[in-house]
Amino acid sequence: MTDKPAQPHLSNDEILLPPQKIREIMDTLPHRYPFILVDRVTELVQGKRIKGYKNVTINEPFFQGHFPGDPIMPGVLQLEAMAQLGILLMKTIPATEGKLAVFAGMNDVRFRRMVIPGDQFEMECEILKLRLPIGKMSCKAYVAGELAVEAEIICSLVDREASAGR
């Protein structure tokens, strides 16, 4: 007999969407190798919260220079990975259709432990506020259940056409 994973507790107004694999993620995110930093979405409650992960491997191009002989995932890429997961969450809201989400700011960033090759970088984001064109999310990431980084990430949702001419 196999144990089923626990289903998230949903209130009456929450919609649980199916997990996403890399093909679905690439259909939503504009990022591509080597800059796509989400491997899988494991839980997604439409317009509310999301969980997913990135498998951190020694094959990542940034490890060649950060740092040779002592590889550590750069903190800015940890934040970028959480922001990309947050974009996947934002894109479940119909009002964001046709918008490109870009960084607008970060608050209360704290790095708690190093992220190294072999780690699974488990992320979660929750929308705190969305008043277009600005969205604000609370994001955290863990390695083996231990908090690695946390931040409040602010994004601006701009028209794709408007961003193309810049």
N, C-alpha and C. Protein backbone atom coordinates (compact mmCIF):
# COMPACT_ATOMS: atom_id res chain seq x y z
N MET A 1 0.85 -1.18 0.00
CA MET A 1 0.00 0.00 0.00
C MET A 1 0.88 1.24 0.00
N THR A 2 0.62 2.17 -0.92
CA THR A 2 1.42 3.39 -1.02
C THR A 2 0.68 4.55 -0.37
N ASP A 3 1.45 5.39 0.31
CA ASP A 3 0.87 6.59 0.88
C ASP A 3 0.70 7.63 -0.20
N LYS A 4 -0.46 8.25 -0.26
CA LYS A 4 -0.68 9.36 -1.19
C LYS A 4 -0.13 10.62 -0.55
N PRO A 5 0.44 11.53 -1.39
CA PRO A 5 0.88 12.80 -0.82
C PRO A 5 -0.33 13.58 -0.29
N ALA A 6 -0.11 14.29 0.78
CA ALA A 6 -1.20 15.06 1.37
C ALA A 6 -1.63 16.16 0.42
N GLN A 7 -2.94 16.30 0.25
CA GLN A 7 -3.48 17.37 -0.59
C GLN A 7 -3.45 18.67 0.22
N PRO A 8 -3.16 19.79 -0.44
CA PRO A 8 -3.18 21.05 0.29
C PRO A 8 -4.59 21.38 0.75
N HIS A 9 -4.69 22.06 1.87
CA HIS A 9 -6.00 22.48 2.37
C HIS A 9 -6.47 23.67 1.55
N LEU A 10 -7.64 23.55 0.95
CA LEU A 10 -8.18 24.59 0.09
C LEU A 10 -9.43 25.18 0.71
N SER A 11 -9.55 26.51 0.63
CA SER A 11 -10.81 27.14 1.02
C SER A 11 -11.76 27.04 -0.17
N ASN A 12 -13.01 27.41 0.01
CA ASN A 12 -14.02 27.26 -1.02
C ASN A 12 -13.72 28.03 -2.30
N ASP A 13 -13.00 29.14 -2.21
CA ASP A 13 -12.73 29.96 -3.39
C ASP A 13 -11.40 29.63 -4.07
N GLU A 14 -10.71 28.60 -3.64
CA GLU A 14 -9.40 28.25 -4.21
C GLU A 14 -9.52 27.12 -5.22
N ILE A 15 -8.74 27.24 -6.30
CA ILE A 15 -8.75 26.23 -7.36
C ILE A 15 -7.35 25.62 -7.46
N LEU A 16 -7.26 24.32 -7.22
CA LEU A 16 -6.00 23.59 -7.33
C LEU A 16 -5.78 23.20 -8.78
N LEU A 17 -4.69 23.67 -9.37
CA LEU A 17 -4.35 23.33 -10.75
C LEU A 17 -3.38 22.16 -10.75
N PRO A 18 -3.30 21.41 -11.86
CA PRO A 18 -2.40 20.26 -11.89
C PRO A 18 -0.92 20.68 -11.85
N PRO A 19 -0.04 19.81 -11.35
CA PRO A 19 1.39 20.10 -11.37
C PRO A 19 1.85 20.34 -12.82
N GLN A 20 2.97 21.05 -12.96
CA GLN A 20 3.51 21.34 -14.29
C GLN A 20 4.91 20.77 -14.42
N LYS A 21 5.17 20.15 -15.56
CA LYS A 21 6.51 19.69 -15.90
C LYS A 21 7.15 20.74 -16.79
N ILE A 22 8.37 20.52 -17.19
CA ILE A 22 9.16 21.53 -17.89
C ILE A 22 8.50 22.04 -19.17
N ARG A 23 7.80 21.20 -19.91
CA ARG A 23 7.16 21.68 -21.15
C ARG A 23 6.09 22.72 -20.86
N GLU A 24 5.27 22.49 -19.83
CA GLU A 24 4.25 23.47 -19.47
C GLU A 24 4.89 24.75 -18.93
N ILE A 25 5.97 24.59 -18.17
CA ILE A 25 6.69 25.74 -17.63
C ILE A 25 7.24 26.59 -18.78
N MET A 26 7.82 25.94 -19.78
CA MET A 26 8.39 26.67 -20.92
C MET A 26 7.31 27.30 -21.79
N ASP A 27 6.10 26.78 -21.74
CA ASP A 27 4.99 27.41 -22.46
C ASP A 27 4.60 28.74 -21.82
N THR A 28 4.89 28.92 -20.53
CA THR A 28 4.51 30.13 -19.81
C THR A 28 5.66 31.12 -19.66
N LEU A 29 6.84 30.61 -19.27
CA LEU A 29 7.98 31.50 -19.06
C LEU A 29 8.67 31.84 -20.38
N PRO A 30 9.15 33.08 -20.53
CA PRO A 30 9.91 33.43 -21.72
C PRO A 30 11.37 32.97 -21.64
N HIS A 31 11.82 32.54 -20.48
CA HIS A 31 13.22 32.15 -20.25
C HIS A 31 13.55 30.83 -20.96
N ARG A 32 14.81 30.71 -21.35
CA ARG A 32 15.32 29.49 -21.96
C ARG A 32 16.71 29.20 -21.39
N TYR A 33 17.22 28.00 -21.69
CA TYR A 33 18.55 27.63 -21.23
C TYR A 33 19.54 28.70 -21.65
N PRO A 34 20.45 29.08 -20.79
CA PRO A 34 20.71 28.54 -19.45
C PRO A 34 20.01 29.29 -18.34
N PHE A 35 18.96 30.03 -18.66
CA PHE A 35 18.37 30.91 -17.66
C PHE A 35 17.01 30.48 -17.15
N ILE A 36 16.50 29.35 -17.56
CA ILE A 36 15.25 28.87 -16.97
C ILE A 36 15.61 28.13 -15.68
N LEU A 37 15.05 28.58 -14.57
CA LEU A 37 15.51 28.11 -13.26
C LEU A 37 14.41 27.42 -12.44
N VAL A 38 13.38 26.92 -13.13
CA VAL A 38 12.33 26.13 -12.48
C VAL A 38 12.22 24.82 -13.26
N ASP A 39 12.39 23.70 -12.58
CA ASP A 39 12.29 22.39 -13.23
C ASP A 39 10.90 21.78 -13.15
N ARG A 40 10.19 22.05 -12.06
CA ARG A 40 8.89 21.41 -11.86
C ARG A 40 8.05 22.25 -10.92
N VAL A 41 6.74 22.30 -11.20
CA VAL A 41 5.77 22.90 -10.28
C VAL A 41 5.04 21.73 -9.63
N THR A 42 5.05 21.68 -8.31
CA THR A 42 4.46 20.56 -7.59
C THR A 42 3.07 20.87 -7.01
N GLU A 43 2.80 22.15 -6.77
CA GLU A 43 1.51 22.55 -6.22
C GLU A 43 1.20 23.95 -6.74
N LEU A 44 -0.03 24.15 -7.17
CA LEU A 44 -0.42 25.45 -7.73
C LEU A 44 -1.88 25.72 -7.42
N VAL A 45 -2.12 26.72 -6.59
CA VAL A 45 -3.47 27.15 -6.27
C VAL A 45 -3.67 28.47 -7.01
N GLN A 46 -4.56 28.47 -7.97
CA GLN A 46 -4.74 29.58 -8.90
C GLN A 46 -4.86 30.93 -8.18
N GLY A 47 -3.93 31.83 -8.56
CA GLY A 47 -3.96 33.19 -8.04
C GLY A 47 -3.61 33.35 -6.58
N LYS A 48 -3.15 32.27 -5.92
CA LYS A 48 -2.89 32.33 -4.47
C LYS A 48 -1.45 31.95 -4.12
N ARG A 49 -1.08 30.68 -4.44
CA ARG A 49 0.24 30.19 -4.01
C ARG A 49 0.72 29.10 -4.95
N ILE A 50 2.03 28.86 -4.89
CA ILE A 50 2.66 27.88 -5.77
C ILE A 50 3.87 27.27 -5.06
N LYS A 51 4.17 26.02 -5.39
CA LYS A 51 5.38 25.34 -4.92
C LYS A 51 6.03 24.67 -6.12
N GLY A 52 7.35 24.64 -6.11
CA GLY A 52 8.10 24.00 -7.18
C GLY A 52 9.56 23.87 -6.79
N TYR A 53 10.36 23.35 -7.72
CA TYR A 53 11.77 23.18 -7.37
C TYR A 53 12.67 23.30 -8.58
N LYS A 54 13.93 23.49 -8.27
CA LYS A 54 15.02 23.44 -9.24
C LYS A 54 16.02 22.44 -8.71
N ASN A 55 16.41 21.49 -9.56
CA ASN A 55 17.49 20.58 -9.21
C ASN A 55 18.80 21.28 -9.54
N VAL A 56 19.62 21.47 -8.55
CA VAL A 56 20.89 22.18 -8.73
C VAL A 56 21.97 21.14 -9.03
N THR A 57 22.57 21.25 -10.23
CA THR A 57 23.58 20.26 -10.63
C THR A 57 24.92 20.95 -10.91
N ILE A 58 25.98 20.20 -10.85
CA ILE A 58 27.31 20.73 -11.13
C ILE A 58 27.43 21.18 -12.58
N ASN A 59 26.52 20.75 -13.45
CA ASN A 59 26.55 21.13 -14.86
C ASN A 59 26.09 22.56 -15.11
N GLU A 60 25.59 23.25 -14.10
CA GLU A 60 25.13 24.65 -14.28
C GLU A 60 26.32 25.50 -14.73
N PRO A 61 26.12 26.32 -15.77
CA PRO A 61 27.24 27.11 -16.29
C PRO A 61 27.83 28.10 -15.29
N PHE A 62 27.04 28.58 -14.33
CA PHE A 62 27.56 29.56 -13.37
C PHE A 62 28.56 28.97 -12.40
N PHE A 63 28.55 27.64 -12.23
CA PHE A 63 29.51 27.03 -11.31
C PHE A 63 30.95 27.08 -11.81
N GLN A 64 31.14 27.32 -13.10
CA GLN A 64 32.49 27.44 -13.63
C GLN A 64 33.25 28.59 -12.99
N GLY A 65 32.53 29.64 -12.62
CA GLY A 65 33.20 30.79 -12.04
C GLY A 65 32.73 31.15 -10.64
N HIS A 66 31.77 30.41 -10.07
CA HIS A 66 31.22 30.77 -8.75
C HIS A 66 31.12 29.55 -7.87
N PHE A 67 32.04 29.10 -7.26
CA PHE A 67 33.45 29.42 -7.27
C PHE A 67 34.19 28.15 -7.64
N PRO A 68 35.20 28.21 -8.52
CA PRO A 68 35.92 26.98 -8.89
C PRO A 68 36.47 26.27 -7.65
N GLY A 69 36.17 25.00 -7.55
CA GLY A 69 36.65 24.21 -6.40
C GLY A 69 35.74 24.30 -5.18
N ASP A 70 34.84 25.27 -5.14
CA ASP A 70 33.92 25.44 -4.02
C ASP A 70 32.60 26.01 -4.54
N PRO A 71 31.87 25.25 -5.39
CA PRO A 71 30.71 25.78 -6.09
C PRO A 71 29.54 26.13 -5.16
N ILE A 72 29.03 27.34 -5.34
CA ILE A 72 27.88 27.85 -4.59
C ILE A 72 26.94 28.52 -5.59
N MET A 73 25.65 28.21 -5.51
CA MET A 73 24.68 28.87 -6.39
C MET A 73 24.60 30.34 -6.00
N PRO A 74 24.81 31.26 -6.95
CA PRO A 74 24.75 32.69 -6.63
C PRO A 74 23.39 33.09 -6.05
N GLY A 75 23.44 33.94 -5.05
CA GLY A 75 22.22 34.41 -4.41
C GLY A 75 21.26 35.08 -5.37
N VAL A 76 21.79 35.85 -6.32
CA VAL A 76 20.90 36.53 -7.27
C VAL A 76 20.16 35.52 -8.13
N LEU A 77 20.76 34.36 -8.41
CA LEU A 77 20.08 33.33 -9.19
C LEU A 77 19.04 32.58 -8.33
N GLN A 78 19.29 32.50 -7.04
CA GLN A 78 18.27 31.95 -6.14
C GLN A 78 17.03 32.84 -6.16
N LEU A 79 17.24 34.15 -6.11
CA LEU A 79 16.13 35.10 -6.18
C LEU A 79 15.44 35.03 -7.53
N GLU A 80 16.21 34.91 -8.60
CA GLU A 80 15.65 34.80 -9.95
C GLU A 80 14.78 33.54 -10.06
N ALA A 81 15.25 32.43 -9.50
CA ALA A 81 14.47 31.18 -9.55
C ALA A 81 13.12 31.37 -8.84
N MET A 82 13.15 32.02 -7.67
CA MET A 82 11.89 32.25 -6.95
C MET A 82 11.00 33.20 -7.75
N ALA A 83 11.58 34.20 -8.39
CA ALA A 83 10.79 35.13 -9.20
C ALA A 83 10.15 34.41 -10.38
N GLN A 84 10.88 33.50 -11.02
CA GLN A 84 10.31 32.75 -12.13
C GLN A 84 9.14 31.88 -11.66
N LEU A 85 9.29 31.27 -10.50
CA LEU A 85 8.18 30.49 -9.95
C LEU A 85 6.98 31.41 -9.69
N GLY A 86 7.27 32.60 -9.17
CA GLY A 86 6.21 33.58 -8.92
C GLY A 86 5.51 34.02 -10.20
N ILE A 87 6.25 34.13 -11.30
CA ILE A 87 5.64 34.47 -12.59
C ILE A 87 4.64 33.39 -12.99
N LEU A 88 5.01 32.13 -12.79
CA LEU A 88 4.09 31.03 -13.12
C LEU A 88 2.78 31.17 -12.33
N LEU A 89 2.89 31.63 -11.09
CA LEU A 89 1.71 31.85 -10.27
C LEU A 89 0.92 33.05 -10.79
N MET A 90 1.59 34.15 -11.05
CA MET A 90 0.92 35.37 -11.54
C MET A 90 0.15 35.09 -12.84
N LYS A 91 0.73 34.23 -13.70
CA LYS A 91 0.12 33.97 -15.00
C LYS A 91 -1.15 33.12 -14.90
N THR A 92 -1.52 32.66 -13.70
CA THR A 92 -2.79 31.95 -13.54
C THR A 92 -3.95 32.91 -13.36
N ILE A 93 -3.65 34.20 -13.28
CA ILE A 93 -4.67 35.23 -13.09
C ILE A 93 -5.04 35.80 -14.46
N PRO A 94 -6.30 35.69 -14.86
CA PRO A 94 -6.70 36.13 -16.20
C PRO A 94 -6.29 37.56 -16.56
N ALA A 95 -6.27 38.48 -15.60
CA ALA A 95 -5.91 39.88 -15.88
C ALA A 95 -4.46 40.05 -16.33
N THR A 96 -3.63 39.02 -16.15
CA THR A 96 -2.22 39.12 -16.55
C THR A 96 -1.98 38.60 -17.96
N GLU A 97 -3.03 38.16 -18.64
CA GLU A 97 -2.91 37.64 -20.00
C GLU A 97 -2.21 38.66 -20.90
N GLY A 98 -1.19 38.21 -21.63
CA GLY A 98 -0.47 39.08 -22.56
C GLY A 98 0.55 39.98 -21.90
N LYS A 99 0.74 39.85 -20.60
CA LYS A 99 1.69 40.70 -19.87
C LYS A 99 3.01 39.97 -19.68
N LEU A 100 4.08 40.75 -19.61
CA LEU A 100 5.41 40.23 -19.30
C LEU A 100 5.73 40.70 -17.89
N ALA A 101 6.08 39.77 -17.02
CA ALA A 101 6.42 40.11 -15.63
C ALA A 101 7.93 40.37 -15.54
N VAL A 102 8.28 41.53 -15.00
CA VAL A 102 9.69 41.90 -14.82
C VAL A 102 9.91 42.32 -13.37
N PHE A 103 11.15 42.17 -12.90
CA PHE A 103 11.49 42.59 -11.54
C PHE A 103 11.21 44.07 -11.35
N ALA A 104 10.62 44.42 -10.23
CA ALA A 104 10.44 45.83 -9.87
C ALA A 104 11.11 46.13 -8.53
N GLY A 105 11.38 45.09 -7.74
CA GLY A 105 12.05 45.30 -6.46
C GLY A 105 12.04 44.06 -5.60
N MET A 106 12.78 44.16 -4.50
CA MET A 106 12.84 43.08 -3.51
C MET A 106 12.96 43.72 -2.13
N ASN A 107 12.32 43.13 -1.17
CA ASN A 107 12.40 43.59 0.21
C ASN A 107 12.74 42.42 1.11
N ASP A 108 13.36 42.73 2.23
CA ASP A 108 13.60 41.75 3.30
C ASP A 108 14.27 40.47 2.80
N VAL A 109 15.28 40.60 1.96
CA VAL A 109 16.01 39.44 1.44
C VAL A 109 16.95 38.93 2.53
N ARG A 110 16.87 37.63 2.77
CA ARG A 110 17.75 36.99 3.75
C ARG A 110 18.23 35.66 3.21
N PHE A 111 19.54 35.47 3.18
CA PHE A 111 20.13 34.19 2.79
C PHE A 111 20.49 33.46 4.07
N ARG A 112 20.01 32.23 4.18
CA ARG A 112 20.16 31.47 5.44
C ARG A 112 21.16 30.32 5.34
N ARG A 113 21.37 29.78 4.15
CA ARG A 113 22.32 28.69 3.97
C ARG A 113 22.76 28.67 2.52
N MET A 114 23.92 28.06 2.28
CA MET A 114 24.43 27.95 0.91
C MET A 114 23.66 26.88 0.14
N VAL A 115 23.56 27.09 -1.17
CA VAL A 115 22.94 26.12 -2.07
C VAL A 115 24.05 25.61 -2.98
N ILE A 116 24.25 24.30 -2.99
CA ILE A 116 25.39 23.72 -3.70
C ILE A 116 24.92 22.62 -4.65
N PRO A 117 25.79 22.19 -5.57
CA PRO A 117 25.41 21.09 -6.48
C PRO A 117 24.92 19.87 -5.71
N GLY A 118 23.86 19.28 -6.25
CA GLY A 118 23.24 18.12 -5.60
C GLY A 118 22.02 18.48 -4.78
N ASP A 119 21.85 19.78 -4.48
CA ASP A 119 20.70 20.21 -3.70
C ASP A 119 19.45 20.28 -4.57
N GLN A 120 18.31 20.05 -3.95
CA GLN A 120 17.04 20.34 -4.60
C GLN A 120 16.53 21.62 -3.93
N PHE A 121 16.43 22.67 -4.72
CA PHE A 121 16.05 24.01 -4.28
C PHE A 121 14.52 24.08 -4.34
N GLU A 122 13.87 23.84 -3.19
CA GLU A 122 12.41 23.77 -3.11
C GLU A 122 11.84 25.14 -2.77
N MET A 123 11.05 25.68 -3.70
CA MET A 123 10.57 27.05 -3.58
C MET A 123 9.07 27.10 -3.35
N GLU A 124 8.64 28.19 -2.73
CA GLU A 124 7.21 28.46 -2.59
C GLU A 124 6.99 29.98 -2.63
N CYS A 125 5.92 30.37 -3.28
CA CYS A 125 5.56 31.78 -3.38
C CYS A 125 4.08 31.93 -3.08
N GLU A 126 3.75 33.05 -2.47
CA GLU A 126 2.36 33.37 -2.18
C GLU A 126 2.13 34.83 -2.57
N ILE A 127 1.04 35.09 -3.28
CA ILE A 127 0.74 36.47 -3.66
C ILE A 127 0.26 37.23 -2.42
N LEU A 128 0.93 38.34 -2.16
CA LEU A 128 0.53 39.20 -1.06
C LEU A 128 -0.44 40.28 -1.54
N LYS A 129 -0.14 40.80 -2.76
CA LYS A 129 -0.95 41.90 -3.28
C LYS A 129 -0.80 41.93 -4.79
N LEU A 130 -1.89 42.16 -5.48
CA LEU A 130 -1.84 42.35 -6.93
C LEU A 130 -2.79 43.46 -7.29
N ARG A 131 -2.21 44.58 -7.68
CA ARG A 131 -2.97 45.70 -8.20
C ARG A 131 -2.22 46.14 -9.44
N LEU A 132 -2.70 45.67 -10.59
CA LEU A 132 -1.98 45.88 -11.84
C LEU A 132 -1.62 47.34 -12.02
N PRO A 133 -0.38 47.58 -12.44
CA PRO A 133 0.56 46.63 -13.01
C PRO A 133 1.55 46.01 -12.01
N ILE A 134 1.34 46.19 -10.70
CA ILE A 134 2.31 45.74 -9.70
C ILE A 134 1.78 44.53 -8.94
N GLY A 135 2.67 43.54 -8.74
CA GLY A 135 2.36 42.37 -7.93
C GLY A 135 3.43 42.19 -6.87
N LYS A 136 3.04 41.73 -5.71
CA LYS A 136 3.99 41.51 -4.61
C LYS A 136 3.78 40.11 -4.07
N MET A 137 4.91 39.38 -3.90
CA MET A 137 4.85 37.99 -3.43
C MET A 137 5.80 37.75 -2.27
N SER A 138 5.41 36.88 -1.38
CA SER A 138 6.29 36.38 -0.34
C SER A 138 6.86 35.07 -0.85
N CYS A 139 8.20 34.97 -0.90
CA CYS A 139 8.84 33.77 -1.45
C CYS A 139 9.86 33.21 -0.46
N LYS A 140 9.92 31.89 -0.42
CA LYS A 140 10.90 31.18 0.42
C LYS A 140 11.42 29.99 -0.36
N ALA A 141 12.64 29.59 -0.06
CA ALA A 141 13.20 28.38 -0.66
C ALA A 141 13.93 27.59 0.42
N TYR A 142 13.85 26.28 0.26
CA TYR A 142 14.41 25.35 1.25
C TYR A 142 15.31 24.33 0.56
N VAL A 143 16.26 23.83 1.31
CA VAL A 143 17.06 22.69 0.89
C VAL A 143 16.97 21.67 2.03
N ALA A 144 16.49 20.47 1.71
CA ALA A 144 16.33 19.41 2.70
C ALA A 144 15.55 19.89 3.92
N GLY A 145 14.50 20.70 3.68
CA GLY A 145 13.66 21.19 4.75
C GLY A 145 14.21 22.37 5.52
N GLU A 146 15.43 22.81 5.20
CA GLU A 146 16.06 23.93 5.90
C GLU A 146 15.93 25.19 5.05
N LEU A 147 15.47 26.27 5.67
CA LEU A 147 15.29 27.53 4.95
C LEU A 147 16.62 28.01 4.38
N ALA A 148 16.65 28.26 3.08
CA ALA A 148 17.87 28.72 2.40
C ALA A 148 17.82 30.21 2.11
N VAL A 149 16.67 30.71 1.67
CA VAL A 149 16.53 32.12 1.31
C VAL A 149 15.06 32.51 1.42
N GLU A 150 14.84 33.76 1.76
CA GLU A 150 13.48 34.30 1.79
C GLU A 150 13.52 35.73 1.31
N ALA A 151 12.44 36.17 0.67
CA ALA A 151 12.37 37.53 0.15
C ALA A 151 10.93 37.88 -0.21
N GLU A 152 10.67 39.16 -0.19
CA GLU A 152 9.44 39.68 -0.76
C GLU A 152 9.83 40.19 -2.14
N ILE A 153 9.21 39.66 -3.17
CA ILE A 153 9.56 40.00 -4.55
C ILE A 153 8.43 40.80 -5.17
N ILE A 154 8.81 41.91 -5.79
CA ILE A 154 7.85 42.80 -6.42
C ILE A 154 8.08 42.75 -7.93
N CYS A 155 7.00 42.57 -8.68
CA CYS A 155 7.13 42.54 -10.13
C CYS A 155 6.19 43.55 -10.76
N SER A 156 6.55 43.95 -11.95
CA SER A 156 5.72 44.84 -12.75
C SER A 156 5.27 44.03 -13.96
N LEU A 157 4.00 44.08 -14.25
CA LEU A 157 3.44 43.36 -15.39
C LEU A 157 3.21 44.37 -16.51
N VAL A 158 4.02 44.26 -17.55
CA VAL A 158 3.98 45.22 -18.65
C VAL A 158 3.47 44.55 -19.91
N ASP A 159 2.96 45.36 -20.84
CA ASP A 159 2.52 44.83 -22.12
C ASP A 159 3.72 44.28 -22.87
N ARG A 160 3.60 43.10 -23.42
CA ARG A 160 4.69 42.50 -24.19
C ARG A 160 5.11 43.39 -25.35
N GLU A 161 4.14 44.00 -26.01
CA GLU A 161 4.46 44.87 -27.14
C GLU A 161 5.29 46.07 -26.70
N ALA A 162 4.97 46.65 -25.54
CA ALA A 162 5.68 47.81 -25.04
C ALA A 162 7.12 47.47 -24.69
N SER A 163 7.36 46.26 -24.21
CA SER A 163 8.72 45.87 -23.83
C SER A 163 9.59 45.52 -25.03
N ALA A 164 8.97 45.19 -26.16
CA ALA A 164 9.72 44.78 -27.35
C ALA A 164 10.52 45.92 -27.96
N GLY A 165 10.06 47.17 -27.83
CA GLY A 165 10.74 48.30 -28.43
C GLY A 165 11.85 48.88 -27.60
N ARG A 166 12.07 48.35 -26.41
CA ARG A 166 13.08 48.92 -25.51
C ARG A 166 14.45 48.38 -25.76
